């Protein structure tokens, strides 16, 4: 049954990729010839922050830069536009590949697409995070989710909702500091080591994610959550947008990073399909 569900999810992902660049007119024409879409497109939710000059990166990393190469009508009489961009792997809405904190683990292009398509399980701890900026998701939080929604399904993508998305793109409010002079100056929620180990040892999750800059809470120095997920080859999604629009369960998530060979992460377009 799970394999069949995965096939449906992958079919949806492929359909999204194929239609993403089409105009509305071409899409309408395609629908007329190919039949109805396999899902209600009004239920699509974009969980991605656009990349531009306001995109937040670690203060020690290179930020996103877009350089105009060409824009205008050519001597041949047709319009032509082209840019080049440059950025660090870990900024904006992006994927952390397991190799980021796990020697010999999967790099960005090694992660099977099936691991990045699955049922979204949203654990909302925004109230606790409002009271404690350094809050770490606990095993008790996960068990509380299960008491209301049933056991986390195999192949789930578990998403921590802290409410931090409302702070984007205000660097001071989002990171807790304008610049990192000391790791202790950063303050934002993340996963606890115990929660990461629970998800990787006692449950069978395909990926995790959250609406803050890091899987580990702001002042972390040992990156215990990153290391626990990496050890189990579980990729992470950071700076995920619009988690407040997802229910606790029932949505499907599709996270497609740039497939960088040898990459430790990369920008991702993340989409959810509501139930």
Protein backbone atom coordinates (compact mmCIF):
# COMPACT_ATOMS: atom_id res chain seq x y z
CA UNK A 1 0.00 0.00 0.00
CA UNK A 2 2.79 2.43 0.93
CA UNK A 3 4.53 1.77 -2.40
CA UNK A 4 1.31 2.59 -4.25
CA UNK A 5 0.90 5.82 -2.27
CA UNK A 6 4.49 6.72 -3.08
CA UNK A 7 3.84 6.09 -6.79
CA UNK A 8 0.93 8.54 -6.66
CA UNK A 9 3.11 11.10 -4.87
CA UNK A 10 5.89 10.74 -7.43
CA UNK A 11 3.40 11.07 -10.28
CA UNK A 12 2.20 14.32 -8.73
CA UNK A 13 5.79 15.57 -8.37
CA UNK A 14 6.58 14.81 -12.00
CA UNK A 15 3.37 16.51 -13.10
CA UNK A 16 4.27 19.63 -11.14
CA UNK A 17 7.77 19.74 -12.62
CA UNK A 18 6.49 19.36 -16.17
CA UNK A 19 3.86 22.09 -15.87
CA UNK A 20 5.78 24.60 -13.73
CA UNK A 21 7.09 26.63 -16.64
CA UNK A 22 3.92 26.65 -18.74
CA UNK A 23 1.76 29.73 -19.23
CA UNK A 24 -1.87 29.58 -18.18
CA UNK A 25 -2.90 29.34 -21.82
CA UNK A 26 -0.59 26.38 -22.50
CA UNK A 27 -1.65 24.70 -19.27
CA UNK A 28 -5.32 25.05 -20.19
CA UNK A 29 -4.60 23.61 -23.63
CA UNK A 30 -2.68 20.73 -22.10
CA UNK A 31 -5.55 19.96 -19.72
CA UNK A 32 -7.99 19.94 -22.60
CA UNK A 33 -5.93 17.34 -24.46
CA UNK A 34 -4.63 15.29 -21.53
CA UNK A 35 -7.64 15.37 -19.19
CA UNK A 36 -8.09 16.69 -15.66
CA UNK A 37 -5.15 17.13 -13.28
CA UNK A 38 -4.68 14.26 -10.78
CA UNK A 39 -5.33 16.71 -7.90
CA UNK A 40 -7.19 19.92 -7.14
CA UNK A 41 -4.74 22.71 -8.01
CA UNK A 42 -6.52 25.10 -5.66
CA UNK A 43 -5.07 23.01 -2.83
CA UNK A 44 -1.45 23.73 -3.75
CA UNK A 45 0.51 25.70 -1.14
CA UNK A 46 3.93 27.17 -1.95
CA UNK A 47 6.23 26.69 1.05
CA UNK A 48 9.17 28.53 -0.52
CA UNK A 49 10.55 32.02 0.05
CA UNK A 50 11.64 33.63 -3.24
CA UNK A 51 15.38 34.19 -3.62
CA UNK A 52 16.37 37.84 -3.90
CA UNK A 53 18.37 40.51 -2.09
CA UNK A 54 16.21 40.13 1.05
CA UNK A 55 16.77 36.36 1.43
CA UNK A 56 18.27 35.51 4.81
CA UNK A 57 21.60 33.69 5.04
CA UNK A 58 23.99 33.04 7.88
CA UNK A 59 25.96 36.22 8.42
CA UNK A 60 29.18 34.34 7.71
CA UNK A 61 27.93 33.07 4.30
CA UNK A 62 27.65 34.67 0.90
CA UNK A 63 24.14 35.93 0.24
CA UNK A 64 22.09 35.53 -2.92
CA UNK A 65 23.25 37.73 -5.79
CA UNK A 66 21.53 38.05 -9.15
CA UNK A 67 23.48 39.68 -11.97
CA UNK A 68 21.78 40.78 -15.15
CA UNK A 69 23.67 39.47 -18.18
CA UNK A 70 21.33 40.41 -20.99
CA UNK A 71 17.90 41.98 -21.28
CA UNK A 72 16.40 43.53 -24.37
CA UNK A 73 15.70 43.16 -28.05
CA UNK A 74 18.57 41.58 -29.97
CA UNK A 75 19.89 42.71 -33.39
CA UNK A 76 17.83 39.81 -34.76
CA UNK A 77 14.65 41.49 -33.54
CA UNK A 78 13.64 39.09 -30.77
CA UNK A 79 13.55 39.52 -27.00
CA UNK A 80 16.29 37.85 -24.96
CA UNK A 81 16.89 37.93 -21.18
CA UNK A 82 19.47 36.07 -19.09
CA UNK A 83 20.95 36.35 -15.58
CA UNK A 84 23.60 34.65 -13.51
CA UNK A 85 23.28 34.00 -9.79
CA UNK A 86 25.58 33.08 -6.94
CA UNK A 87 24.84 32.06 -3.36
CA UNK A 88 25.85 29.76 -0.53
CA UNK A 89 24.10 26.37 -0.39
CA UNK A 90 22.55 26.97 3.03
CA UNK A 91 20.27 29.98 2.95
CA UNK A 92 16.69 30.80 2.13
CA UNK A 93 14.34 27.85 1.70
CA UNK A 94 16.78 25.01 1.23
CA UNK A 95 17.70 21.40 1.83
CA UNK A 96 20.39 20.08 4.16
CA UNK A 97 21.82 16.89 2.69
CA UNK A 98 22.96 14.32 5.29
CA UNK A 99 26.60 14.81 4.27
CA UNK A 100 26.34 18.36 5.69
CA UNK A 101 26.90 16.83 9.15
CA UNK A 102 27.59 13.17 8.34
CA UNK A 103 30.82 11.96 6.77
CA UNK A 104 30.13 9.51 3.97
CA UNK A 105 26.39 10.17 3.99
CA UNK A 106 24.20 11.20 1.05
CA UNK A 107 24.96 14.37 -0.86
CA UNK A 108 22.29 16.51 -2.46
CA UNK A 109 22.11 14.64 -5.77
CA UNK A 110 22.24 11.24 -4.01
CA UNK A 111 18.90 11.66 -2.23
CA UNK A 112 16.19 9.62 -4.00
CA UNK A 113 13.26 11.75 -5.11
CA UNK A 114 10.94 9.35 -3.25
CA UNK A 115 12.53 10.48 0.02
CA UNK A 116 11.44 14.05 -0.72
CA UNK A 117 7.80 13.27 -1.46
CA UNK A 118 5.57 12.10 1.37
CA UNK A 119 2.81 12.78 3.90
CA UNK A 120 3.39 16.01 5.81
CA UNK A 121 3.02 15.76 9.58
CA UNK A 122 3.03 19.24 11.15
CA UNK A 123 3.87 19.46 14.85
CA UNK A 124 2.75 22.90 16.02
CA UNK A 125 4.72 24.14 19.04
CA UNK A 126 4.31 27.84 18.25
CA UNK A 127 2.86 28.65 21.69
CA UNK A 128 5.85 27.17 23.50
CA UNK A 129 8.21 28.94 21.10
CA UNK A 130 6.51 32.29 21.71
CA UNK A 131 7.45 31.91 25.36
CA UNK A 132 10.94 30.52 24.75
CA UNK A 133 12.86 31.51 21.63
CA UNK A 134 15.33 28.67 22.23
CA UNK A 135 12.63 26.01 22.46
CA UNK A 136 13.53 22.52 21.26
CA UNK A 137 10.92 20.07 20.02
CA UNK A 138 10.64 17.21 22.50
CA UNK A 139 9.68 13.55 22.32
CA UNK A 140 6.65 14.49 24.41
CA UNK A 141 5.58 16.93 21.67
CA UNK A 142 5.80 14.14 19.11
CA UNK A 143 3.89 11.70 21.30
CA UNK A 144 1.28 14.39 21.88
CA UNK A 145 0.87 14.73 18.11
CA UNK A 146 0.46 10.96 17.86
CA UNK A 147 -2.14 10.88 20.61
CA UNK A 148 -4.30 13.20 18.49
CA UNK A 149 -3.47 11.96 15.01
CA UNK A 150 -2.22 8.38 15.29
CA UNK A 151 1.28 7.02 14.88
CA UNK A 152 3.57 8.91 12.52
CA UNK A 153 3.34 7.01 9.23
CA UNK A 154 6.38 5.38 7.67
CA UNK A 155 7.86 7.70 5.07
CA UNK A 156 6.49 10.80 6.77
CA UNK A 157 8.05 14.24 6.41
CA UNK A 158 7.84 15.74 9.90
CA UNK A 159 7.61 19.53 10.02
CA UNK A 160 8.17 21.60 13.17
CA UNK A 161 6.01 24.72 13.17
CA UNK A 162 7.44 27.32 15.53
CA UNK A 163 5.64 30.40 14.18
CA UNK A 164 9.00 31.90 13.14
CA UNK A 165 7.76 32.36 9.60
CA UNK A 166 5.96 35.52 10.72
CA UNK A 167 9.39 37.06 11.41
CA UNK A 168 10.77 36.58 7.88
CA UNK A 169 12.69 38.50 6.46
CA UNK A 170 13.55 40.60 9.55
CA UNK A 171 17.07 39.32 10.34
CA UNK A 172 17.11 40.58 13.92
CA UNK A 173 13.78 38.95 14.81
CA UNK A 174 14.37 35.78 12.76
CA UNK A 175 17.91 34.99 13.95
CA UNK A 176 17.77 36.86 17.23
CA UNK A 177 20.84 38.87 16.22
CA UNK A 178 21.93 40.98 13.27
CA UNK A 179 25.27 39.17 12.97
CA UNK A 180 26.91 36.13 14.48
CA UNK A 181 29.80 37.26 16.64
CA UNK A 182 29.14 34.28 18.90
CA UNK A 183 26.79 31.35 18.34
CA UNK A 184 25.16 32.16 21.67
CA UNK A 185 23.82 35.40 20.17
CA UNK A 186 21.39 33.49 17.93
CA UNK A 187 17.97 32.60 19.33
CA UNK A 188 15.39 30.51 17.46
CA UNK A 189 13.70 27.10 17.98
CA UNK A 190 14.79 23.72 16.64
CA UNK A 191 14.68 19.96 17.22
CA UNK A 192 16.10 18.44 20.39
CA UNK A 193 18.62 15.59 20.12
CA UNK A 194 16.12 13.29 21.81
CA UNK A 195 13.39 14.15 19.28
CA UNK A 196 15.79 13.60 16.37
CA UNK A 197 16.83 10.22 17.74
CA UNK A 198 13.19 9.24 18.35
CA UNK A 199 12.26 10.08 14.75
CA UNK A 200 15.23 8.20 13.29
CA UNK A 201 15.36 5.20 15.63
CA UNK A 202 11.78 4.58 16.72
CA UNK A 203 9.94 5.94 13.68
CA UNK A 204 10.71 5.67 9.97
CA UNK A 205 10.68 9.22 8.62
CA UNK A 206 11.95 10.16 5.18
CA UNK A 207 12.77 13.80 5.94
CA UNK A 208 12.21 16.59 8.44
CA UNK A 209 11.83 20.34 8.21
CA UNK A 210 10.96 23.53 10.04
CA UNK A 211 10.30 27.26 9.71
CA UNK A 212 13.55 28.47 11.30
CA UNK A 213 17.16 28.83 10.03
CA UNK A 214 18.42 25.52 11.43
CA UNK A 215 17.39 22.05 12.58
CA UNK A 216 19.23 22.89 15.82
CA UNK A 217 18.09 25.73 18.06
CA UNK A 218 19.91 29.06 17.76
CA UNK A 219 22.60 28.88 20.48
CA UNK A 220 23.51 25.24 19.79
CA UNK A 221 27.23 24.51 19.68
CA UNK A 222 27.19 20.74 19.22
CA UNK A 223 24.51 20.56 16.45
CA UNK A 224 23.13 17.40 18.04
CA UNK A 225 19.92 17.33 15.97
CA UNK A 226 21.79 17.80 12.69
CA UNK A 227 24.18 15.02 13.62
CA UNK A 228 21.41 12.61 14.64
CA UNK A 229 19.48 13.14 11.42
CA UNK A 230 22.65 12.93 9.31
CA UNK A 231 23.73 9.69 10.96
CA UNK A 232 20.44 8.15 9.80
CA UNK A 233 20.72 9.68 6.29
CA UNK A 234 17.61 11.82 6.90
CA UNK A 235 17.63 15.10 4.93
CA UNK A 236 16.38 18.34 6.46
CA UNK A 237 14.45 21.31 5.11
CA UNK A 238 15.10 24.74 6.62
CA UNK A 239 13.39 28.13 6.31
CA UNK A 240 10.17 26.48 5.14
CA UNK A 241 7.48 29.10 4.46
CA UNK A 242 3.73 29.14 5.16
CA UNK A 243 3.56 26.22 7.57
CA UNK A 244 0.59 27.95 9.20
CA UNK A 245 -1.42 27.02 6.10
CA UNK A 246 -0.98 23.28 6.59
CA UNK A 247 -3.10 21.00 8.80
CA UNK A 248 -1.49 18.67 11.33
CA UNK A 249 -1.94 15.76 8.92
CA UNK A 250 -3.44 14.97 5.54
CA UNK A 251 -1.28 17.17 3.29
CA UNK A 252 1.41 15.83 0.99
CA UNK A 253 4.79 17.50 0.64
CA UNK A 254 7.03 17.71 -2.43
CA UNK A 255 10.52 19.17 -1.85
CA UNK A 256 12.72 19.43 -4.94
CA UNK A 257 16.20 20.87 -4.35
CA UNK A 258 18.65 21.80 -7.07
CA UNK A 259 20.39 18.48 -7.74
CA UNK A 260 23.98 19.56 -7.09
CA UNK A 261 26.46 16.72 -7.57
CA UNK A 262 28.72 16.70 -4.53
CA UNK A 263 26.49 19.27 -2.83
CA UNK A 264 25.89 19.48 0.91
CA UNK A 265 22.54 21.18 0.33
CA UNK A 266 20.88 23.62 -2.00
CA UNK A 267 17.92 25.89 -2.72
CA UNK A 268 14.62 24.00 -2.84
CA UNK A 269 11.15 24.59 -4.21
CA UNK A 270 8.79 23.08 -1.66
CA UNK A 271 5.09 22.57 -2.36
CA UNK A 272 2.30 21.04 -0.31
CA UNK A 273 -0.97 19.59 -1.52
CA UNK A 274 -3.76 20.08 0.99
CA UNK A 275 -6.20 17.25 1.73
